[in-house]
Amino acid sequence: MDGPVLDAKPKERTTARIALLLALLTGFALRLLHLGAESLWYDETVSVHLARQPIPAMIAHTAGDIHPPGYYLLLHLWQQLTAPTLL
């Protein structure tokens, strides 16, 4: 019980590989082109703002929040470890 063998010709395989490679490279280039164009959303901006505060001020601002300030503390420490950005 042998079925039909699906064997593409070498030229067809090469053409398909080149088309796939071009599609991947085009997508990659388009993504890199607009990589820095994304803006921060409101919640991300608030998180960055709170994390840049001194720790006592950060705790005071988040005291009435339903979430504990652990995330902002970790983000604060991460910002201290990494280089400053344009945020």
PDB file of N, CA and C in Angstrom:
ATOM      1  N   MET A   1       0.811  -1.179   0.000  1.00  0.00           N
ATOM      2  CA  MET A   1       0.000   0.000   0.000  1.00  0.00           C
ATOM      3  C   MET A   1       0.859   1.251   0.000  1.00  0.00           C
ATOM      4  N   ASP A   2       1.336   1.547  -1.128  1.00  0.00           N
ATOM      5  CA  ASP A   2       2.150   2.744  -1.262  1.00  0.00           C
ATOM      6  C   ASP A   2       1.299   3.869  -1.820  1.00  0.00           C
ATOM      7  N   GLY A   3       1.364   5.019  -1.147  1.00  0.00           N
ATOM      8  CA  GLY A   3       0.643   6.191  -1.615  1.00  0.00           C
ATOM      9  C   GLY A   3       1.521   6.977  -2.567  1.00  0.00           C
ATOM     10  N   PRO A   4       0.981   8.018  -3.126  1.00  0.00           N
ATOM     11  CA  PRO A   4       1.797   8.845  -4.016  1.00  0.00           C
ATOM     12  C   PRO A   4       2.906   9.540  -3.233  1.00  0.00           C
ATOM     13  N   VAL A   5       4.033   9.601  -3.830  1.00  0.00           N
ATOM     14  CA  VAL A   5       5.187  10.242  -3.205  1.00  0.00           C
ATOM     15  C   VAL A   5       5.156  11.721  -3.560  1.00  0.00           C
ATOM     16  N   LEU A   6       5.151  12.551  -2.542  1.00  0.00           N
ATOM     17  CA  LEU A   6       5.141  13.999  -2.753  1.00  0.00           C
ATOM     18  C   LEU A   6       6.572  14.495  -2.684  1.00  0.00           C
ATOM     19  N   ASP A   7       7.213  14.508  -3.810  1.00  0.00           N
ATOM     20  CA  ASP A   7       8.606  14.929  -3.855  1.00  0.00           C
ATOM     21  C   ASP A   7       8.708  16.139  -4.770  1.00  0.00           C
ATOM     22  N   ALA A   8       8.938  17.287  -4.178  1.00  0.00           N
ATOM     23  CA  ALA A   8       9.057  18.509  -4.967  1.00  0.00           C
ATOM     24  C   ALA A   8      10.396  18.512  -5.691  1.00  0.00           C
ATOM     25  N   LYS A   9      10.401  19.142  -6.806  1.00  0.00           N
ATOM     26  CA  LYS A   9      11.637  19.267  -7.567  1.00  0.00           C
ATOM     27  C   LYS A   9      12.572  20.205  -6.821  1.00  0.00           C
ATOM     28  N   PRO A  10      13.876  20.010  -6.980  1.00  0.00           N
ATOM     29  CA  PRO A  10      14.824  20.876  -6.259  1.00  0.00           C
ATOM     30  C   PRO A  10      14.606  22.367  -6.524  1.00  0.00           C
ATOM     31  N   LYS A  11      14.241  22.731  -7.749  1.00  0.00           N
ATOM     32  CA  LYS A  11      14.020  24.144  -8.067  1.00  0.00           C
ATOM     33  C   LYS A  11      12.813  24.687  -7.302  1.00  0.00           C
ATOM     34  N   GLU A  12      11.751  23.887  -7.174  1.00  0.00           N
ATOM     35  CA  GLU A  12      10.563  24.315  -6.435  1.00  0.00           C
ATOM     36  C   GLU A  12      10.863  24.469  -4.950  1.00  0.00           C
ATOM     37  N   ARG A  13      11.671  23.547  -4.408  1.00  0.00           N
ATOM     38  CA  ARG A  13      12.036  23.646  -2.988  1.00  0.00           C
ATOM     39  C   ARG A  13      12.882  24.888  -2.734  1.00  0.00           C
ATOM     40  N   THR A  14      13.798  25.162  -3.635  1.00  0.00           N
ATOM     41  CA  THR A  14      14.649  26.343  -3.480  1.00  0.00           C
ATOM     42  C   THR A  14      13.814  27.618  -3.555  1.00  0.00           C
ATOM     43  N   THR A  15      12.875  27.662  -4.485  1.00  0.00           N
ATOM     44  CA  THR A  15      12.004  28.829  -4.618  1.00  0.00           C
ATOM     45  C   THR A  15      11.163  29.025  -3.360  1.00  0.00           C
ATOM     46  N   ALA A  16      10.639  27.943  -2.814  1.00  0.00           N
ATOM     47  CA  ALA A  16       9.836  28.035  -1.592  1.00  0.00           C
ATOM     48  C   ALA A  16      10.684  28.512  -0.416  1.00  0.00           C
ATOM     49  N   ARG A  17      11.894  28.027  -0.325  1.00  0.00           N
ATOM     50  CA  ARG A  17      12.782  28.457   0.769  1.00  0.00           C
ATOM     51  C   ARG A  17      13.143  29.932   0.646  1.00  0.00           C
ATOM     52  N   ILE A  18      13.405  30.370  -0.566  1.00  0.00           N
ATOM     53  CA  ILE A  18      13.738  31.784  -0.780  1.00  0.00           C
ATOM     54  C   ILE A  18      12.536  32.664  -0.444  1.00  0.00           C
ATOM     55  N   ALA A  19      11.339  32.241  -0.843  1.00  0.00           N
ATOM     56  CA  ALA A  19      10.130  33.017  -0.531  1.00  0.00           C
ATOM     57  C   ALA A  19       9.908  33.091   0.974  1.00  0.00           C
ATOM     58  N   LEU A  20      10.098  31.977   1.667  1.00  0.00           N
ATOM     59  CA  LEU A  20       9.950  31.964   3.121  1.00  0.00           C
ATOM     60  C   LEU A  20      10.986  32.869   3.780  1.00  0.00           C
ATOM     61  N   LEU A  21      12.219  32.789   3.329  1.00  0.00           N
ATOM     62  CA  LEU A  21      13.278  33.627   3.891  1.00  0.00           C
ATOM     63  C   LEU A  21      12.990  35.111   3.658  1.00  0.00           C
ATOM     64  N   LEU A  22      12.527  35.455   2.465  1.00  0.00           N
ATOM     65  CA  LEU A  22      12.190  36.855   2.180  1.00  0.00           C
ATOM     66  C   LEU A  22      11.037  37.342   3.049  1.00  0.00           C
ATOM     67  N   ALA A  23      10.036  36.498   3.254  1.00  0.00           N
ATOM     68  CA  ALA A  23       8.908  36.879   4.109  1.00  0.00           C
ATOM     69  C   ALA A  23       9.369  37.096   5.546  1.00  0.00           C
ATOM     70  N   LEU A  24      10.216  36.216   6.048  1.00  0.00           N
ATOM     71  CA  LEU A  24      10.725  36.370   7.416  1.00  0.00           C
ATOM     72  C   LEU A  24      11.587  37.621   7.560  1.00  0.00           C
ATOM     73  N   LEU A  25      12.463  37.858   6.604  1.00  0.00           N
ATOM     74  CA  LEU A  25      13.321  39.046   6.666  1.00  0.00           C
ATOM     75  C   LEU A  25      12.510  40.334   6.544  1.00  0.00           C
ATOM     76  N   THR A  26      11.486  40.328   5.704  1.00  0.00           N
ATOM     77  CA  THR A  26      10.627  41.506   5.577  1.00  0.00           C
ATOM     78  C   THR A  26       9.893  41.785   6.883  1.00  0.00           C
ATOM     79  N   GLY A  27       9.338  40.748   7.495  1.00  0.00           N
ATOM     80  CA  GLY A  27       8.659  40.916   8.783  1.00  0.00           C
ATOM     81  C   GLY A  27       9.602  41.401   9.864  1.00  0.00           C
ATOM     82  N   PHE A  28      10.804  40.845   9.887  1.00  0.00           N
ATOM     83  CA  PHE A  28      11.802  41.257  10.876  1.00  0.00           C
ATOM     84  C   PHE A  28      12.189  42.722  10.676  1.00  0.00           C
ATOM     85  N   ALA A  29      12.408  43.123   9.430  1.00  0.00           N
ATOM     86  CA  ALA A  29      12.781  44.512   9.143  1.00  0.00           C
ATOM     87  C   ALA A  29      11.659  45.475   9.517  1.00  0.00           C
ATOM     88  N   LEU A  30      10.419  45.115   9.216  1.00  0.00           N
ATOM     89  CA  LEU A  30       9.296  45.986   9.571  1.00  0.00           C
ATOM     90  C   LEU A  30       9.151  46.111  11.079  1.00  0.00           C
ATOM     91  N   ARG A  31       9.409  45.051  11.801  1.00  0.00           N
ATOM     92  CA  ARG A  31       9.320  45.107  13.265  1.00  0.00           C
ATOM     93  C   ARG A  31      10.427  45.990  13.829  1.00  0.00           C
ATOM     94  N   LEU A  32      11.636  45.865  13.315  1.00  0.00           N
ATOM     95  CA  LEU A  32      12.736  46.696  13.791  1.00  0.00           C
ATOM     96  C   LEU A  32      12.525  48.163  13.447  1.00  0.00           C
ATOM     97  N   LEU A  33      11.894  48.412  12.323  1.00  0.00           N
ATOM     98  CA  LEU A  33      11.670  49.784  11.872  1.00  0.00           C
ATOM     99  C   LEU A  33      10.842  50.577  12.876  1.00  0.00           C
ATOM    100  N   HIS A  34       9.855  49.961  13.488  1.00  0.00           N
ATOM    101  CA  HIS A  34       8.954  50.657  14.406  1.00  0.00           C
ATOM    102  C   HIS A  34       9.116  50.200  15.852  1.00  0.00           C
ATOM    103  N   LEU A  35      10.266  49.645  16.174  1.00  0.00           N
ATOM    104  CA  LEU A  35      10.451  49.082  17.505  1.00  0.00           C
ATOM    105  C   LEU A  35      10.356  50.140  18.596  1.00  0.00           C
ATOM    106  N   GLY A  36      10.929  51.305  18.396  1.00  0.00           N
ATOM    107  CA  GLY A  36      10.903  52.348  19.410  1.00  0.00           C
ATOM    108  C   GLY A  36       9.696  53.263  19.331  1.00  0.00           C
ATOM    109  N   ALA A  37       8.790  53.001  18.425  1.00  0.00           N
ATOM    110  CA  ALA A  37       7.657  53.898  18.218  1.00  0.00           C
ATOM    111  C   ALA A  37       6.499  53.642  19.174  1.00  0.00           C
ATOM    112  N   GLU A  38       6.502  52.526  19.849  1.00  0.00           N
ATOM    113  CA  GLU A  38       5.402  52.210  20.761  1.00  0.00           C
ATOM    114  C   GLU A  38       5.459  53.120  21.981  1.00  0.00           C
ATOM    115  N   SER A  39       4.332  53.656  22.342  1.00  0.00           N
ATOM    116  CA  SER A  39       4.271  54.507  23.520  1.00  0.00           C
ATOM    117  C   SER A  39       3.825  53.683  24.721  1.00  0.00           C
ATOM    118  N   LEU A  40       4.012  54.244  25.893  1.00  0.00           N
ATOM    119  CA  LEU A  40       3.589  53.564  27.111  1.00  0.00           C
ATOM    120  C   LEU A  40       2.094  53.748  27.313  1.00  0.00           C
ATOM    121  N   TRP A  41       1.452  52.731  27.815  1.00  0.00           N
ATOM    122  CA  TRP A  41       0.052  52.831  28.165  1.00  0.00           C
ATOM    123  C   TRP A  41      -0.066  53.497  29.524  1.00  0.00           C
ATOM    124  N   TYR A  42      -1.277  53.888  29.898  1.00  0.00           N
ATOM    125  CA  TYR A  42      -1.499  54.634  31.136  1.00  0.00           C
ATOM    126  C   TYR A  42      -0.979  53.880  32.355  1.00  0.00           C
ATOM    127  N   ASP A  43      -1.306  52.597  32.472  1.00  0.00           N
ATOM    128  CA  ASP A  43      -0.884  51.846  33.653  1.00  0.00           C
ATOM    129  C   ASP A  43       0.628  51.671  33.701  1.00  0.00           C
ATOM    130  N   GLU A  44       1.273  51.561  32.543  1.00  0.00           N
ATOM    131  CA  GLU A  44       2.728  51.455  32.511  1.00  0.00           C
ATOM    132  C   GLU A  44       3.374  52.770  32.944  1.00  0.00           C
ATOM    133  N   THR A  45       2.797  53.883  32.522  1.00  0.00           N
ATOM    134  CA  THR A  45       3.315  55.192  32.915  1.00  0.00           C
ATOM    135  C   THR A  45       3.185  55.401  34.418  1.00  0.00           C
ATOM    136  N   VAL A  46       2.059  55.010  34.988  1.00  0.00           N
ATOM    137  CA  VAL A  46       1.861  55.132  36.438  1.00  0.00           C
ATOM    138  C   VAL A  46       2.866  54.261  37.176  1.00  0.00           C
ATOM    139  N   SER A  47       3.097  53.048  36.685  1.00  0.00           N
ATOM    140  CA  SER A  47       4.058  52.146  37.328  1.00  0.00           C
ATOM    141  C   SER A  47       5.461  52.736  37.318  1.00  0.00           C
ATOM    142  N   VAL A  48       5.878  53.270  36.179  1.00  0.00           N
ATOM    143  CA  VAL A  48       7.210  53.875  36.092  1.00  0.00           C
ATOM    144  C   VAL A  48       7.302  55.080  37.016  1.00  0.00           C
ATOM    145  N   HIS A  49       6.261  55.903  37.044  1.00  0.00           N
ATOM    146  CA  HIS A  49       6.262  57.087  37.907  1.00  0.00           C
ATOM    147  C   HIS A  49       6.382  56.689  39.379  1.00  0.00           C
ATOM    148  N   LEU A  50       5.588  55.715  39.806  1.00  0.00           N
ATOM    149  CA  LEU A  50       5.641  55.287  41.210  1.00  0.00           C
ATOM    150  C   LEU A  50       6.981  54.641  41.550  1.00  0.00           C
ATOM    151  N   ALA A  51       7.530  53.881  40.622  1.00  0.00           N
ATOM    152  CA  ALA A  51       8.796  53.199  40.890  1.00  0.00           C
ATOM    153  C   ALA A  51       9.968  54.167  40.973  1.00  0.00           C
ATOM    154  N   ARG A  52       9.848  55.338  40.387  1.00  0.00           N
ATOM    155  CA  ARG A  52      10.927  56.326  40.453  1.00  0.00           C
ATOM    156  C   ARG A  52      10.902  57.137  41.745  1.00  0.00           C
ATOM    157  N   GLN A  53       9.848  57.020  42.509  1.00  0.00           N
ATOM    158  CA  GLN A  53       9.738  57.751  43.771  1.00  0.00           C
ATOM    159  C   GLN A  53      10.674  57.133  44.810  1.00  0.00           C
ATOM    160  N   PRO A  54      11.082  57.909  45.813  1.00  0.00           N
ATOM    161  CA  PRO A  54      11.791  57.306  46.942  1.00  0.00           C
ATOM    162  C   PRO A  54      10.873  56.272  47.605  1.00  0.00           C
ATOM    163  N   ILE A  55      11.463  55.262  48.208  1.00  0.00           N
ATOM    164  CA  ILE A  55      10.673  54.152  48.754  1.00  0.00           C
ATOM    165  C   ILE A  55       9.608  54.612  49.750  1.00  0.00           C
ATOM    166  N   PRO A  56       9.899  55.511  50.698  1.00  0.00           N
ATOM    167  CA  PRO A  56       8.823  55.948  51.609  1.00  0.00           C
ATOM    168  C   PRO A  56       7.660  56.623  50.875  1.00  0.00           C
ATOM    169  N   ALA A  57       7.962  57.445  49.881  1.00  0.00           N
ATOM    170  CA  ALA A  57       6.899  58.107  49.110  1.00  0.00           C
ATOM    171  C   ALA A  57       6.105  57.082  48.302  1.00  0.00           C
ATOM    172  N   MET A  58       6.793  56.086  47.769  1.00  0.00           N
ATOM    173  CA  MET A  58       6.119  55.044  47.007  1.00  0.00           C
ATOM    174  C   MET A  58       5.139  54.274  47.890  1.00  0.00           C
ATOM    175  N   ILE A  59       5.565  53.935  49.087  1.00  0.00           N
ATOM    176  CA  ILE A  59       4.697  53.204  50.014  1.00  0.00           C
ATOM    177  C   ILE A  59       3.514  54.075  50.427  1.00  0.00           C
ATOM    178  N   ALA A  60       3.763  55.361  50.634  1.00  0.00           N
ATOM    179  CA  ALA A  60       2.674  56.268  51.004  1.00  0.00           C
ATOM    180  C   ALA A  60       1.640  56.380  49.878  1.00  0.00           C
ATOM    181  N   HIS A  61       2.109  56.441  48.628  1.00  0.00           N
ATOM    182  CA  HIS A  61       1.188  56.549  47.495  1.00  0.00           C
ATOM    183  C   HIS A  61       0.383  55.276  47.278  1.00  0.00           C
ATOM    184  N   THR A  62       0.962  54.133  47.609  1.00  0.00           N
ATOM    185  CA  THR A  62       0.265  52.868  47.364  1.00  0.00           C
ATOM    186  C   THR A  62      -0.428  52.327  48.610  1.00  0.00           C
ATOM    187  N   ALA A  63      -0.427  53.077  49.698  1.00  0.00           N
ATOM    188  CA  ALA A  63      -1.037  52.590  50.944  1.00  0.00           C
ATOM    189  C   ALA A  63      -2.530  52.357  50.787  1.00  0.00           C
ATOM    190  N   GLY A  64      -3.212  53.167  50.025  1.00  0.00           N
ATOM    191  CA  GLY A  64      -4.649  53.013  49.849  1.00  0.00           C
ATOM    192  C   GLY A  64      -5.020  52.112  48.684  1.00  0.00           C
ATOM    193  N   ASP A  65      -4.026  51.591  47.983  1.00  0.00           N
ATOM    194  CA  ASP A  65      -4.284  50.734  46.829  1.00  0.00           C
ATOM    195  C   ASP A  65      -4.654  49.327  47.290  1.00  0.00           C
ATOM    196  N   ILE A  66      -5.409  48.616  46.459  1.00  0.00           N
ATOM    197  CA  ILE A  66      -5.780  47.251  46.835  1.00  0.00           C
ATOM    198  C   ILE A  66      -4.632  46.268  46.611  1.00  0.00           C
ATOM    199  N   HIS A  67      -3.624  46.692  45.846  1.00  0.00           N
ATOM    200  CA  HIS A  67      -2.470  45.837  45.589  1.00  0.00           C
ATOM    201  C   HIS A  67      -1.322  46.256  46.503  1.00  0.00           C
ATOM    202  N   PRO A  68      -0.577  45.304  47.036  1.00  0.00           N
ATOM    203  CA  PRO A  68       0.572  45.667  47.864  1.00  0.00           C
ATOM    204  C   PRO A  68       1.668  46.304  47.000  1.00  0.00           C
ATOM    205  N   PRO A  69       2.559  47.068  47.603  1.00  0.00           N
ATOM    206  CA  PRO A  69       3.565  47.802  46.828  1.00  0.00           C
ATOM    207  C   PRO A  69       4.737  46.944  46.353  1.00  0.00           C
ATOM    208  N   GLY A  70       4.652  45.631  46.471  1.00  0.00           N
ATOM    209  CA  GLY A  70       5.768  44.756  46.088  1.00  0.00           C
ATOM    210  C   GLY A  70       6.208  44.922  44.647  1.00  0.00           C
ATOM    211  N   TYR A  71       5.255  45.037  43.724  1.00  0.00           N
ATOM    212  CA  TYR A  71       5.597  45.207  42.311  1.00  0.00           C
ATOM    213  C   TYR A  71       6.392  46.489  42.099  1.00  0.00           C
ATOM    214  N   TYR A  72       5.939  47.561  42.722  1.00  0.00           N
ATOM    215  CA  TYR A  72       6.615  48.844  42.554  1.00  0.00           C
ATOM    216  C   TYR A  72       7.998  48.824  43.200  1.00  0.00           C
ATOM    217  N   LEU A  73       8.133  48.110  44.302  1.00  0.00           N
ATOM    218  CA  LEU A  73       9.448  47.973  44.936  1.00  0.00           C
ATOM    219  C   LEU A  73      10.405  47.209  44.025  1.00  0.00           C
ATOM    220  N   LEU A  74       9.936  46.118  43.432  1.00  0.00           N
ATOM    221  CA  LEU A  74      10.784  45.361  42.507  1.00  0.00           C
ATOM    222  C   LEU A  74      11.143  46.189  41.276  1.00  0.00           C
ATOM    223  N   LEU A  75      10.182  46.925  40.759  1.00  0.00           N
ATOM    224  CA  LEU A  75      10.450  47.780  39.609  1.00  0.00           C
ATOM    225  C   LEU A  75      11.436  48.883  39.978  1.00  0.00           C
ATOM    226  N   HIS A  76      11.319  49.427  41.176  1.00  0.00           N
ATOM    227  CA  HIS A  76      12.246  50.442  41.666  1.00  0.00           C
ATOM    228  C   HIS A  76      13.670  49.874  41.716  1.00  0.00           C
ATOM    229  N   LEU A  77      13.809  48.680  42.275  1.00  0.00           N
ATOM    230  CA  LEU A  77      15.129  48.044  42.352  1.00  0.00           C
ATOM    231  C   LEU A  77      15.673  47.729  40.967  1.00  0.00           C
ATOM    232  N   TRP A  78      14.809  47.276  40.077  1.00  0.00           N
ATOM    233  CA  TRP A  78      15.242  46.981  38.717  1.00  0.00           C
ATOM    234  C   TRP A  78      15.737  48.249  38.014  1.00  0.00           C
ATOM    235  N   GLN A  79      15.039  49.356  38.219  1.00  0.00           N
ATOM    236  CA  GLN A  79      15.465  50.612  37.608  1.00  0.00           C
ATOM    237  C   GLN A  79      16.794  51.085  38.193  1.00  0.00           C
ATOM    238  N   GLN A  80      17.054  50.743  39.444  1.00  0.00           N
ATOM    239  CA  GLN A  80      18.331  51.113  40.048  1.00  0.00           C
ATOM    240  C   GLN A  80      19.475  50.287  39.459  1.00  0.00           C
ATOM    241  N   LEU A  81      19.184  49.041  39.073  1.00  0.00           N
ATOM    242  CA  LEU A  81      20.212  48.150  38.537  1.00  0.00           C
ATOM    243  C   LEU A  81      20.508  48.396  37.068  1.00  0.00           C
ATOM    244  N   THR A  82      19.527  48.847  36.335  1.00  0.00           N
ATOM    245  CA  THR A  82      19.708  49.023  34.895  1.00  0.00           C
ATOM    246  C   THR A  82      19.985  50.482  34.574  1.00  0.00           C
ATOM    247  N   ALA A  83      20.436  50.686  33.375  1.00  0.00           N
ATOM    248  CA  ALA A  83      20.742  52.043  32.929  1.00  0.00           C
ATOM    249  C   ALA A  83      19.449  52.836  32.771  1.00  0.00           C
ATOM    250  N   PRO A  84      19.501  54.127  33.023  1.00  0.00           N
ATOM    251  CA  PRO A  84      18.294  54.940  32.831  1.00  0.00           C
ATOM    252  C   PRO A  84      17.893  54.959  31.356  1.00  0.00           C
ATOM    253  N   THR A  85      16.608  55.034  31.120  1.00  0.00           N
ATOM    254  CA  THR A  85      16.095  55.064  29.749  1.00  0.00           C
ATOM    255  C   THR A  85      15.352  56.374  29.523  1.00  0.00           C
ATOM    256  N   LEU A  86      14.775  56.495  28.378  1.00  0.00           N
ATOM    257  CA  LEU A  86      14.049  57.718  28.027  1.00  0.00           C
ATOM    258  C   LEU A  86      12.618  57.716  28.522  1.00  0.00           C
ATOM    259  N   LEU A  87      12.261  56.797  29.388  1.00  0.00           N
ATOM    260  CA  LEU A  87      10.879  56.724  29.878  1.00  0.00           C
ATOM    261  C   LEU A  87      10.522  57.945  30.670  1.00  0.00           C
TER     262      LEU A  87
END
